Amino acid sequence: MLLTEGQMSDHKGARLMLSALPAAKALLGDRGYDSNWFRAALVEKGIEPCIPSSKSRKVEIPHDTALYKQRHKIETMFSKLKDWRRIATRYDRCAHAFFSAICIVATVAFWL
């Protein structure tokens, strides 16, 4: 898991996480991860990218829409985390304290 600053672009975060990606059949990502280098790196690792094309792309790259609909589970999880004000506003200045708060909230949300 990688905790980045809020202003970091998706491309920079993806580049940092690429070597740590586990073996998977597909990767669901939003339009922010749509780039040729990222798609090529995923294919090279044997992972099928399920990323919709960005609005600026002239030739749209097709993706599995049925698989992409499963992304709502990820969005629901982030929504539950952001119900907690401490997480939504990032009260903690230190990354390790913020990550600890996320872990506690995720544990509580799982049990509720």
PDB file of N, CA and C in Angstrom:
ATOM      1  N   MET A   1       0.853  -1.172   0.000  1.00  0.00           N
ATOM      2  CA  MET A   1       0.000   0.000   0.000  1.00  0.00           C
ATOM      3  C   MET A   1       0.898   1.234   0.000  1.00  0.00           C
ATOM      4  N   LEU A   2       0.486   2.212  -0.764  1.00  0.00           N
ATOM      5  CA  LEU A   2       1.264   3.438  -0.891  1.00  0.00           C
ATOM      6  C   LEU A   2       0.380   4.624  -0.568  1.00  0.00           C
ATOM      7  N   LEU A   3       0.829   5.452   0.337  1.00  0.00           N
ATOM      8  CA  LEU A   3       0.108   6.665   0.702  1.00  0.00           C
ATOM      9  C   LEU A   3       0.860   7.839   0.093  1.00  0.00           C
ATOM     10  N   THR A   4       0.205   8.544  -0.823  1.00  0.00           N
ATOM     11  CA  THR A   4       0.845   9.673  -1.492  1.00  0.00           C
ATOM     12  C   THR A   4       0.180  10.970  -1.060  1.00  0.00           C
ATOM     13  N   GLU A   5       0.819  12.057  -1.383  1.00  0.00           N
ATOM     14  CA  GLU A   5       0.228  13.357  -1.090  1.00  0.00           C
ATOM     15  C   GLU A   5      -1.010  13.564  -1.948  1.00  0.00           C
ATOM     16  N   GLY A   6      -1.922  14.373  -1.472  1.00  0.00           N
ATOM     17  CA  GLY A   6      -3.188  14.573  -2.163  1.00  0.00           C
ATOM     18  C   GLY A   6      -3.053  15.201  -3.536  1.00  0.00           C
ATOM     19  N   GLN A   7      -1.991  15.967  -3.752  1.00  0.00           N
ATOM     20  CA  GLN A   7      -1.835  16.664  -5.022  1.00  0.00           C
ATOM     21  C   GLN A   7      -1.092  15.840  -6.068  1.00  0.00           C
ATOM     22  N   MET A   8      -0.629  14.643  -5.701  1.00  0.00           N
ATOM     23  CA  MET A   8       0.133  13.830  -6.643  1.00  0.00           C
ATOM     24  C   MET A   8      -0.805  13.274  -7.716  1.00  0.00           C
ATOM     25  N   SER A   9      -0.360  13.333  -8.963  1.00  0.00           N
ATOM     26  CA  SER A   9      -1.190  12.836 -10.066  1.00  0.00           C
ATOM     27  C   SER A   9      -1.262  11.310 -10.038  1.00  0.00           C
ATOM     28  N   ASP A  10      -2.279  10.770 -10.671  1.00  0.00           N
ATOM     29  CA  ASP A  10      -2.453   9.320 -10.726  1.00  0.00           C
ATOM     30  C   ASP A  10      -1.288   8.649 -11.444  1.00  0.00           C
ATOM     31  N   HIS A  11      -0.742   9.321 -12.440  1.00  0.00           N
ATOM     32  CA  HIS A  11       0.358   8.730 -13.206  1.00  0.00           C
ATOM     33  C   HIS A  11       1.596   8.537 -12.336  1.00  0.00           C
ATOM     34  N   LYS A  12       1.931   9.501 -11.511  1.00  0.00           N
ATOM     35  CA  LYS A  12       3.103   9.362 -10.644  1.00  0.00           C
ATOM     36  C   LYS A  12       2.899   8.255  -9.623  1.00  0.00           C
ATOM     37  N   GLY A  13       1.715   8.189  -9.043  1.00  0.00           N
ATOM     38  CA  GLY A  13       1.416   7.130  -8.090  1.00  0.00           C
ATOM     39  C   GLY A  13       1.451   5.765  -8.738  1.00  0.00           C
ATOM     40  N   ALA A  14       0.939   5.665  -9.957  1.00  0.00           N
ATOM     41  CA  ALA A  14       0.938   4.390 -10.682  1.00  0.00           C
ATOM     42  C   ALA A  14       2.361   3.939 -10.975  1.00  0.00           C
ATOM     43  N   ARG A  15       3.206   4.863 -11.322  1.00  0.00           N
ATOM     44  CA  ARG A  15       4.604   4.514 -11.620  1.00  0.00           C
ATOM     45  C   ARG A  15       5.296   3.969 -10.370  1.00  0.00           C
ATOM     46  N   LEU A  16       4.990   4.542  -9.218  1.00  0.00           N
ATOM     47  CA  LEU A  16       5.590   4.081  -7.969  1.00  0.00           C
ATOM     48  C   LEU A  16       5.074   2.700  -7.560  1.00  0.00           C
ATOM     49  N   MET A  17       3.824   2.410  -7.868  1.00  0.00           N
ATOM     50  CA  MET A  17       3.205   1.162  -7.441  1.00  0.00           C
ATOM     51  C   MET A  17       3.384   0.011  -8.433  1.00  0.00           C
ATOM     52  N   LEU A  18       3.819   0.297  -9.634  1.00  0.00           N
ATOM     53  CA  LEU A  18       3.848  -0.707 -10.698  1.00  0.00           C
ATOM     54  C   LEU A  18       4.660  -1.943 -10.321  1.00  0.00           C
ATOM     55  N   SER A  19       5.805  -1.768  -9.716  1.00  0.00           N
ATOM     56  CA  SER A  19       6.646  -2.924  -9.379  1.00  0.00           C
ATOM     57  C   SER A  19       6.046  -3.756  -8.249  1.00  0.00           C
ATOM     58  N   ALA A  20       5.171  -3.179  -7.443  1.00  0.00           N
ATOM     59  CA  ALA A  20       4.592  -3.891  -6.297  1.00  0.00           C
ATOM     60  C   ALA A  20       3.232  -4.517  -6.604  1.00  0.00           C
ATOM     61  N   LEU A  21       2.744  -4.390  -7.839  1.00  0.00           N
ATOM     62  CA  LEU A  21       1.436  -4.958  -8.172  1.00  0.00           C
ATOM     63  C   LEU A  21       1.468  -6.479  -8.077  1.00  0.00           C
ATOM     64  N   PRO A  22       0.491  -7.072  -7.402  1.00  0.00           N
ATOM     65  CA  PRO A  22       0.448  -8.540  -7.340  1.00  0.00           C
ATOM     66  C   PRO A  22      -0.064  -9.118  -8.662  1.00  0.00           C
ATOM     67  N   ALA A  23       0.083 -10.412  -8.811  1.00  0.00           N
ATOM     68  CA  ALA A  23      -0.424 -11.076 -10.015  1.00  0.00           C
ATOM     69  C   ALA A  23      -1.944 -10.958 -10.034  1.00  0.00           C
ATOM     70  N   ALA A  24      -2.484 -10.573 -11.175  1.00  0.00           N
ATOM     71  CA  ALA A  24      -3.930 -10.392 -11.305  1.00  0.00           C
ATOM     72  C   ALA A  24      -4.328 -10.597 -12.758  1.00  0.00           C
ATOM     73  N   LYS A  25      -5.613 -10.860 -12.968  1.00  0.00           N
ATOM     74  CA  LYS A  25      -6.130 -11.000 -14.328  1.00  0.00           C
ATOM     75  C   LYS A  25      -6.374  -9.642 -14.958  1.00  0.00           C
ATOM     76  N   ALA A  26      -6.914  -8.712 -14.160  1.00  0.00           N
ATOM     77  CA  ALA A  26      -7.269  -7.390 -14.695  1.00  0.00           C
ATOM     78  C   ALA A  26      -7.046  -6.321 -13.634  1.00  0.00           C
ATOM     79  N   LEU A  27      -6.898  -5.089 -14.072  1.00  0.00           N
ATOM     80  CA  LEU A  27      -6.784  -3.945 -13.184  1.00  0.00           C
ATOM     81  C   LEU A  27      -7.874  -2.953 -13.553  1.00  0.00           C
ATOM     82  N   LEU A  28      -8.731  -2.630 -12.590  1.00  0.00           N
ATOM     83  CA  LEU A  28      -9.780  -1.638 -12.801  1.00  0.00           C
ATOM     84  C   LEU A  28      -9.235  -0.274 -12.413  1.00  0.00           C
ATOM     85  N   GLY A  29      -9.312   0.672 -13.309  1.00  0.00           N
ATOM     86  CA  GLY A  29      -8.830   2.012 -13.017  1.00  0.00           C
ATOM     87  C   GLY A  29      -9.739   3.049 -13.654  1.00  0.00           C
ATOM     88  N   ASP A  30      -9.742   4.239 -13.082  1.00  0.00           N
ATOM     89  CA  ASP A  30     -10.560   5.291 -13.673  1.00  0.00           C
ATOM     90  C   ASP A  30      -9.788   5.977 -14.798  1.00  0.00           C
ATOM     91  N   ARG A  31     -10.405   6.973 -15.387  1.00  0.00           N
ATOM     92  CA  ARG A  31      -9.806   7.656 -16.543  1.00  0.00           C
ATOM     93  C   ARG A  31      -8.459   8.306 -16.236  1.00  0.00           C
ATOM     94  N   GLY A  32      -8.207   8.572 -14.969  1.00  0.00           N
ATOM     95  CA  GLY A  32      -6.939   9.188 -14.582  1.00  0.00           C
ATOM     96  C   GLY A  32      -5.730   8.310 -14.856  1.00  0.00           C
ATOM     97  N   TYR A  33      -5.958   7.013 -14.986  1.00  0.00           N
ATOM     98  CA  TYR A  33      -4.862   6.074 -15.242  1.00  0.00           C
ATOM     99  C   TYR A  33      -4.719   5.735 -16.722  1.00  0.00           C
ATOM    100  N   ASP A  34      -5.454   6.411 -17.576  1.00  0.00           N
ATOM    101  CA  ASP A  34      -5.402   6.134 -19.008  1.00  0.00           C
ATOM    102  C   ASP A  34      -4.169   6.774 -19.627  1.00  0.00           C
ATOM    103  N   SER A  35      -3.172   5.943 -19.867  1.00  0.00           N
ATOM    104  CA  SER A  35      -1.988   6.389 -20.597  1.00  0.00           C
ATOM    105  C   SER A  35      -1.392   5.179 -21.302  1.00  0.00           C
ATOM    106  N   ASN A  36      -0.723   5.433 -22.404  1.00  0.00           N
ATOM    107  CA  ASN A  36      -0.159   4.340 -23.195  1.00  0.00           C
ATOM    108  C   ASN A  36       0.910   3.579 -22.417  1.00  0.00           C
ATOM    109  N   TRP A  37       1.783   4.302 -21.700  1.00  0.00           N
ATOM    110  CA  TRP A  37       2.865   3.620 -20.987  1.00  0.00           C
ATOM    111  C   TRP A  37       2.321   2.729 -19.872  1.00  0.00           C
ATOM    112  N   PHE A  38       1.265   3.177 -19.184  1.00  0.00           N
ATOM    113  CA  PHE A  38       0.712   2.384 -18.095  1.00  0.00           C
ATOM    114  C   PHE A  38       0.011   1.133 -18.626  1.00  0.00           C
ATOM    115  N   ARG A  39      -0.732   1.300 -19.707  1.00  0.00           N
ATOM    116  CA  ARG A  39      -1.386   0.140 -20.329  1.00  0.00           C
ATOM    117  C   ARG A  39      -0.348  -0.880 -20.803  1.00  0.00           C
ATOM    118  N   ALA A  40       0.721  -0.400 -21.418  1.00  0.00           N
ATOM    119  CA  ALA A  40       1.776  -1.302 -21.914  1.00  0.00           C
ATOM    120  C   ALA A  40       2.466  -2.015 -20.756  1.00  0.00           C
ATOM    121  N   ALA A  41       2.707  -1.304 -19.660  1.00  0.00           N
ATOM    122  CA  ALA A  41       3.359  -1.920 -18.497  1.00  0.00           C
ATOM    123  C   ALA A  41       2.466  -2.998 -17.879  1.00  0.00           C
ATOM    124  N   LEU A  42       1.162  -2.763 -17.849  1.00  0.00           N
ATOM    125  CA  LEU A  42       0.240  -3.761 -17.312  1.00  0.00           C
ATOM    126  C   LEU A  42       0.217  -5.013 -18.194  1.00  0.00           C
ATOM    127  N   VAL A  43       0.140  -4.814 -19.498  1.00  0.00           N
ATOM    128  CA  VAL A  43       0.128  -5.949 -20.433  1.00  0.00           C
ATOM    129  C   VAL A  43       1.424  -6.735 -20.303  1.00  0.00           C
ATOM    130  N   GLU A  44       2.535  -6.046 -20.124  1.00  0.00           N
ATOM    131  CA  GLU A  44       3.832  -6.700 -19.962  1.00  0.00           C
ATOM    132  C   GLU A  44       3.858  -7.581 -18.715  1.00  0.00           C
ATOM    133  N   LYS A  45       3.133  -7.171 -17.677  1.00  0.00           N
ATOM    134  CA  LYS A  45       3.047  -7.967 -16.445  1.00  0.00           C
ATOM    135  C   LYS A  45       1.955  -9.034 -16.527  1.00  0.00           C
ATOM    136  N   GLY A  46       1.243  -9.106 -17.646  1.00  0.00           N
ATOM    137  CA  GLY A  46       0.198 -10.097 -17.823  1.00  0.00           C
ATOM    138  C   GLY A  46      -1.131  -9.688 -17.205  1.00  0.00           C
ATOM    139  N   ILE A  47      -1.333  -8.387 -17.019  1.00  0.00           N
ATOM    140  CA  ILE A  47      -2.559  -7.858 -16.429  1.00  0.00           C
ATOM    141  C   ILE A  47      -3.337  -7.116 -17.509  1.00  0.00           C
ATOM    142  N   GLU A  48      -4.618  -7.462 -17.640  1.00  0.00           N
ATOM    143  CA  GLU A  48      -5.459  -6.784 -18.624  1.00  0.00           C
ATOM    144  C   GLU A  48      -5.945  -5.449 -18.044  1.00  0.00           C
ATOM    145  N   PRO A  49      -5.637  -4.329 -18.696  1.00  0.00           N
ATOM    146  CA  PRO A  49      -6.133  -3.041 -18.194  1.00  0.00           C
ATOM    147  C   PRO A  49      -7.612  -2.848 -18.522  1.00  0.00           C
ATOM    148  N   CYS A  50      -8.406  -2.543 -17.520  1.00  0.00           N
ATOM    149  CA  CYS A  50      -9.826  -2.228 -17.713  1.00  0.00           C
ATOM    150  C   CYS A  50      -9.991  -0.766 -17.315  1.00  0.00           C
ATOM    151  N   ILE A  51      -9.565   0.095 -18.212  1.00  0.00           N
ATOM    152  CA  ILE A  51      -9.524   1.531 -17.961  1.00  0.00           C
ATOM    153  C   ILE A  51     -10.226   2.238 -19.107  1.00  0.00           C
ATOM    154  N   PRO A  52     -11.266   3.012 -18.814  1.00  0.00           N
ATOM    155  CA  PRO A  52     -11.913   3.753 -19.908  1.00  0.00           C
ATOM    156  C   PRO A  52     -10.981   4.824 -20.464  1.00  0.00           C
ATOM    157  N   SER A  53     -11.156   5.130 -21.727  1.00  0.00           N
ATOM    158  CA  SER A  53     -10.317   6.155 -22.367  1.00  0.00           C
ATOM    159  C   SER A  53     -10.631   7.532 -21.810  1.00  0.00           C
ATOM    160  N   SER A  54      -9.584   8.342 -21.698  1.00  0.00           N
ATOM    161  CA  SER A  54      -9.792   9.714 -21.241  1.00  0.00           C
ATOM    162  C   SER A  54     -10.502  10.509 -22.333  1.00  0.00           C
ATOM    163  N   LYS A  55     -11.108  11.591 -21.944  1.00  0.00           N
ATOM    164  CA  LYS A  55     -11.865  12.423 -22.896  1.00  0.00           C
ATOM    165  C   LYS A  55     -10.954  13.019 -23.969  1.00  0.00           C
ATOM    166  N   SER A  56      -9.662  13.207 -23.634  1.00  0.00           N
ATOM    167  CA  SER A  56      -8.747  13.827 -24.590  1.00  0.00           C
ATOM    168  C   SER A  56      -8.197  12.840 -25.612  1.00  0.00           C
ATOM    169  N   ARG A  57      -8.405  11.560 -25.416  1.00  0.00           N
ATOM    170  CA  ARG A  57      -7.895  10.560 -26.362  1.00  0.00           C
ATOM    171  C   ARG A  57      -8.716  10.610 -27.644  1.00  0.00           C
ATOM    172  N   LYS A  58      -8.027  10.723 -28.783  1.00  0.00           N
ATOM    173  CA  LYS A  58      -8.730  10.857 -30.068  1.00  0.00           C
ATOM    174  C   LYS A  58      -9.344   9.530 -30.516  1.00  0.00           C
ATOM    175  N   VAL A  59      -8.610   8.441 -30.342  1.00  0.00           N
ATOM    176  CA  VAL A  59      -9.112   7.115 -30.702  1.00  0.00           C
ATOM    177  C   VAL A  59      -9.378   6.366 -29.398  1.00  0.00           C
ATOM    178  N   GLU A  60     -10.650   6.083 -29.150  1.00  0.00           N
ATOM    179  CA  GLU A  60     -11.029   5.441 -27.897  1.00  0.00           C
ATOM    180  C   GLU A  60     -10.561   3.995 -27.859  1.00  0.00           C
ATOM    181  N   ILE A  61      -9.997   3.586 -26.732  1.00  0.00           N
ATOM    182  CA  ILE A  61      -9.569   2.201 -26.538  1.00  0.00           C
ATOM    183  C   ILE A  61     -10.700   1.472 -25.822  1.00  0.00           C
ATOM    184  N   PRO A  62     -11.175   0.362 -26.376  1.00  0.00           N
ATOM    185  CA  PRO A  62     -12.300  -0.343 -25.746  1.00  0.00           C
ATOM    186  C   PRO A  62     -11.884  -0.995 -24.422  1.00  0.00           C
ATOM    187  N   HIS A  63     -12.850  -1.114 -23.513  1.00  0.00           N
ATOM    188  CA  HIS A  63     -12.628  -1.798 -22.244  1.00  0.00           C
ATOM    189  C   HIS A  63     -13.857  -2.639 -21.919  1.00  0.00           C
ATOM    190  N   ASP A  64     -13.700  -3.561 -21.014  1.00  0.00           N
ATOM    191  CA  ASP A  64     -14.793  -4.464 -20.626  1.00  0.00           C
ATOM    192  C   ASP A  64     -15.750  -3.706 -19.702  1.00  0.00           C
ATOM    193  N   THR A  65     -16.888  -3.284 -20.241  1.00  0.00           N
ATOM    194  CA  THR A  65     -17.826  -2.478 -19.452  1.00  0.00           C
ATOM    195  C   THR A  65     -18.482  -3.292 -18.337  1.00  0.00           C
ATOM    196  N   ALA A  66     -18.702  -4.573 -18.563  1.00  0.00           N
ATOM    197  CA  ALA A  66     -19.302  -5.416 -17.510  1.00  0.00           C
ATOM    198  C   ALA A  66     -18.352  -5.540 -16.326  1.00  0.00           C
ATOM    199  N   LEU A  67     -17.076  -5.729 -16.600  1.00  0.00           N
ATOM    200  CA  LEU A  67     -16.083  -5.803 -15.529  1.00  0.00           C
ATOM    201  C   LEU A  67     -15.927  -4.448 -14.846  1.00  0.00           C
ATOM    202  N   TYR A  68     -15.960  -3.372 -15.614  1.00  0.00           N
ATOM    203  CA  TYR A  68     -15.766  -2.030 -15.056  1.00  0.00           C
ATOM    204  C   TYR A  68     -16.893  -1.655 -14.099  1.00  0.00           C
ATOM    205  N   LYS A  69     -18.080  -2.224 -14.298  1.00  0.00           N
ATOM    206  CA  LYS A  69     -19.196  -1.933 -13.394  1.00  0.00           C
ATOM    207  C   LYS A  69     -18.925  -2.429 -11.977  1.00  0.00           C
ATOM    208  N   GLN A  70     -17.995  -3.359 -11.814  1.00  0.00           N
ATOM    209  CA  GLN A  70     -17.627  -3.852 -10.488  1.00  0.00           C
ATOM    210  C   GLN A  70     -16.835  -2.815  -9.685  1.00  0.00           C
ATOM    211  N   ARG A  71     -16.409  -1.761 -10.345  1.00  0.00           N
ATOM    212  CA  ARG A  71     -15.622  -0.718  -9.686  1.00  0.00           C
ATOM    213  C   ARG A  71     -16.419   0.013  -8.613  1.00  0.00           C
ATOM    214  N   HIS A  72     -17.744  -0.099  -8.653  1.00  0.00           N
ATOM    215  CA  HIS A  72     -18.562   0.574  -7.649  1.00  0.00           C
ATOM    216  C   HIS A  72     -18.239   0.066  -6.247  1.00  0.00           C
ATOM    217  N   LYS A  73     -17.757  -1.169  -6.133  1.00  0.00           N
ATOM    218  CA  LYS A  73     -17.380  -1.709  -4.824  1.00  0.00           C
ATOM    219  C   LYS A  73     -16.195  -0.941  -4.241  1.00  0.00           C
ATOM    220  N   ILE A  74     -15.268  -0.573  -5.090  1.00  0.00           N
ATOM    221  CA  ILE A  74     -14.109   0.209  -4.656  1.00  0.00           C
ATOM    222  C   ILE A  74     -14.565   1.604  -4.231  1.00  0.00           C
ATOM    223  N   GLU A  75     -15.407   2.222  -5.041  1.00  0.00           N
ATOM    224  CA  GLU A  75     -15.901   3.562  -4.727  1.00  0.00           C
ATOM    225  C   GLU A  75     -16.725   3.572  -3.446  1.00  0.00           C
ATOM    226  N   THR A  76     -17.504   2.514  -3.206  1.00  0.00           N
ATOM    227  CA  THR A  76     -18.295   2.416  -1.979  1.00  0.00           C
ATOM    228  C   THR A  76     -17.382   2.321  -0.763  1.00  0.00           C
ATOM    229  N   MET A  77     -16.293   1.581  -0.884  1.00  0.00           N
ATOM    230  CA  MET A  77     -15.345   1.463   0.222  1.00  0.00           C
ATOM    231  C   MET A  77     -14.728   2.821   0.557  1.00  0.00           C
ATOM    232  N   PHE A  78     -14.319   3.572  -0.458  1.00  0.00           N
ATOM    233  CA  PHE A  78     -13.749   4.898  -0.202  1.00  0.00           C
ATOM    234  C   PHE A  78     -14.791   5.836   0.375  1.00  0.00           C
ATOM    235  N   SER A  79     -16.027   5.692  -0.048  1.00  0.00           N
ATOM    236  CA  SER A  79     -17.106   6.520   0.486  1.00  0.00           C
ATOM    237  C   SER A  79     -17.310   6.250   1.974  1.00  0.00           C
ATOM    238  N   LYS A  80     -17.239   4.980   2.368  1.00  0.00           N
ATOM    239  CA  LYS A  80     -17.377   4.629   3.781  1.00  0.00           C
ATOM    240  C   LYS A  80     -16.222   5.189   4.603  1.00  0.00           C
ATOM    241  N   LEU A  81     -15.023   5.171   4.039  1.00  0.00           N
ATOM    242  CA  LEU A  81     -13.875   5.738   4.758  1.00  0.00           C
ATOM    243  C   LEU A  81     -14.042   7.242   4.947  1.00  0.00           C
ATOM    244  N   LYS A  82     -14.567   7.915   3.923  1.00  0.00           N
ATOM    245  CA  LYS A  82     -14.696   9.372   3.990  1.00  0.00           C
ATOM    246  C   LYS A  82     -15.887   9.828   4.819  1.00  0.00           C
ATOM    247  N   ASP A  83     -16.709   8.895   5.305  1.00  0.00           N
ATOM    248  CA  ASP A  83     -17.758   9.254   6.254  1.00  0.00           C
ATOM    249  C   ASP A  83     -17.151   9.740   7.563  1.00  0.00           C
ATOM    250  N   TRP A  84     -15.934   9.332   7.822  1.00  0.00           N
ATOM    251  CA  TRP A  84     -15.230   9.735   9.032  1.00  0.00           C
ATOM    252  C   TRP A  84     -14.492  11.042   8.746  1.00  0.00           C
ATOM    253  N   ARG A  85     -14.862  12.067   9.477  1.00  0.00           N
ATOM    254  CA  ARG A  85     -14.328  13.406   9.235  1.00  0.00           C
ATOM    255  C   ARG A  85     -12.804  13.446   9.298  1.00  0.00           C
ATOM    256  N   ARG A  86     -12.227  12.704  10.205  1.00  0.00           N
ATOM    257  CA  ARG A  86     -10.775  12.682  10.360  1.00  0.00           C
ATOM    258  C   ARG A  86     -10.085  12.238   9.064  1.00  0.00           C
ATOM    259  N   ILE A  87     -10.706  11.302   8.350  1.00  0.00           N
ATOM    260  CA  ILE A  87     -10.132  10.802   7.102  1.00  0.00           C
ATOM    261  C   ILE A  87     -10.423  11.771   5.958  1.00  0.00           C
ATOM    262  N   ALA A  88     -11.666  12.237   5.867  1.00  0.00           N
ATOM    263  CA  ALA A  88     -12.066  13.110   4.758  1.00  0.00           C
ATOM    264  C   ALA A  88     -11.272  14.412   4.747  1.00  0.00           C
ATOM    265  N   THR A  89     -10.955  14.950   5.919  1.00  0.00           N
ATOM    266  CA  THR A  89     -10.239  16.235   5.983  1.00  0.00           C
ATOM    267  C   THR A  89      -8.749  16.075   6.240  1.00  0.00           C
ATOM    268  N   ARG A  90      -8.302  14.831   6.412  1.00  0.00           N
ATOM    269  CA  ARG A  90      -6.895  14.509   6.702  1.00  0.00           C
ATOM    270  C   ARG A  90      -6.369  15.354   7.864  1.00  0.00           C
ATOM    271  N   TYR A  91      -6.953  15.105   9.028  1.00  0.00           N
ATOM    272  CA  TYR A  91      -6.536  15.801  10.246  1.00  0.00           C
ATOM    273  C   TYR A  91      -5.054  15.609  10.545  1.00  0.00           C
ATOM    274  N   ASP A  92      -4.580  14.396  10.396  1.00  0.00           N
ATOM    275  CA  ASP A  92      -3.212  14.061  10.782  1.00  0.00           C
ATOM    276  C   ASP A  92      -2.213  14.600   9.767  1.00  0.00           C
ATOM    277  N   ARG A  93      -1.186  15.224  10.265  1.00  0.00           N
ATOM    278  CA  ARG A  93      -0.162  15.755   9.366  1.00  0.00           C
ATOM    279  C   ARG A  93       0.843  14.692   8.962  1.00  0.00           C
ATOM    280  N   CYS A  94       1.166  13.806   9.887  1.00  0.00           N
ATOM    281  CA  CYS A  94       2.151  12.759   9.603  1.00  0.00           C
ATOM    282  C   CYS A  94       1.488  11.625   8.824  1.00  0.00           C
ATOM    283  N   ALA A  95       2.193  11.116   7.840  1.00  0.00           N
ATOM    284  CA  ALA A  95       1.644  10.048   7.005  1.00  0.00           C
ATOM    285  C   ALA A  95       1.363   8.793   7.821  1.00  0.00           C
ATOM    286  N   HIS A  96       2.257   8.465   8.772  1.00  0.00           N
ATOM    287  CA  HIS A  96       2.040   7.225   9.539  1.00  0.00           C
ATOM    288  C   HIS A  96       0.824   7.351  10.463  1.00  0.00           C
ATOM    289  N   ALA A  97       0.559   8.527  10.992  1.00  0.00           N
ATOM    290  CA  ALA A  97      -0.627   8.727  11.832  1.00  0.00           C
ATOM    291  C   ALA A  97      -1.902   8.675  10.983  1.00  0.00           C
ATOM    292  N   PHE A  98      -1.858   9.255   9.802  1.00  0.00           N
ATOM    293  CA  PHE A  98      -3.005   9.231   8.897  1.00  0.00           C
ATOM    294  C   PHE A  98      -3.307   7.806   8.452  1.00  0.00           C
ATOM    295  N   PHE A  99      -2.255   7.069   8.108  1.00  0.00           N
ATOM    296  CA  PHE A  99      -2.441   5.681   7.680  1.00  0.00           C
ATOM    297  C   PHE A  99      -2.992   4.837   8.827  1.00  0.00           C
ATOM    298  N   SER A 100      -2.543   5.092  10.043  1.00  0.00           N
ATOM    299  CA  SER A 100      -3.072   4.385  11.214  1.00  0.00           C
ATOM    300  C   SER A 100      -4.559   4.661  11.387  1.00  0.00           C
ATOM    301  N   ALA A 101      -4.956   5.913  11.189  1.00  0.00           N
ATOM    302  CA  ALA A 101      -6.377   6.269  11.292  1.00  0.00           C
ATOM    303  C   ALA A 101      -7.189   5.553  10.222  1.00  0.00           C
ATOM    304  N   ILE A 102      -6.653   5.458   9.023  1.00  0.00           N
ATOM    305  CA  ILE A 102      -7.340   4.736   7.942  1.00  0.00           C
ATOM    306  C   ILE A 102      -7.522   3.271   8.324  1.00  0.00           C
ATOM    307  N   CYS A 103      -6.496   2.660   8.885  1.00  0.00           N
ATOM    308  CA  CYS A 103      -6.584   1.250   9.284  1.00  0.00           C
ATOM    309  C   CYS A 103      -7.641   1.045  10.365  1.00  0.00           C
ATOM    310  N   ILE A 104      -7.695   1.947  11.334  1.00  0.00           N
ATOM    311  CA  ILE A 104      -8.693   1.833  12.405  1.00  0.00           C
ATOM    312  C   ILE A 104     -10.100   1.992  11.840  1.00  0.00           C
ATOM    313  N   VAL A 105     -10.290   3.002  10.996  1.00  0.00           N
ATOM    314  CA  VAL A 105     -11.609   3.245  10.398  1.00  0.00           C
ATOM    315  C   VAL A 105     -12.026   2.072   9.513  1.00  0.00           C
ATOM    316  N   ALA A 106     -11.094   1.527   8.735  1.00  0.00           N
ATOM    317  CA  ALA A 106     -11.413   0.391   7.875  1.00  0.00           C
ATOM    318  C   ALA A 106     -11.827  -0.821   8.703  1.00  0.00           C
ATOM    319  N   THR A 107     -11.167  -1.022   9.835  1.00  0.00           N
ATOM    320  CA  THR A 107     -11.516  -2.139  10.712  1.00  0.00           C
ATOM    321  C   THR A 107     -12.921  -1.948  11.290  1.00  0.00           C
ATOM    322  N   VAL A 108     -13.213  -0.757  11.765  1.00  0.00           N
ATOM    323  CA  VAL A 108     -14.531  -0.472  12.324  1.00  0.00           C
ATOM    324  C   VAL A 108     -15.617  -0.592  11.246  1.00  0.00           C
ATOM    325  N   ALA A 109     -15.356  -0.056  10.071  1.00  0.00           N
ATOM    326  CA  ALA A 109     -16.339  -0.112   8.972  1.00  0.00           C
ATOM    327  C   ALA A 109     -16.592  -1.563   8.555  1.00  0.00           C
ATOM    328  N   PHE A 110     -15.553  -2.396   8.599  1.00  0.00           N
ATOM    329  CA  PHE A 110     -15.719  -3.799   8.236  1.00  0.00           C
ATOM    330  C   PHE A 110     -16.625  -4.524   9.216  1.00  0.00           C
ATOM    331  N   TRP A 111     -16.479  -4.223  10.495  1.00  0.00           N
ATOM    332  CA  TRP A 111     -17.259  -4.917  11.525  1.00  0.00           C
ATOM    333  C   TRP A 111     -18.664  -4.389  11.670  1.00  0.00           C
ATOM    334  N   LEU A 112     -18.938  -3.196  11.168  1.00  0.00           N
ATOM    335  CA  LEU A 112     -20.295  -2.641  11.286  1.00  0.00           C
ATOM    336  C   LEU A 112     -21.130  -3.115  10.182  1.00  0.00           C
TER     337      LEU A 112
END
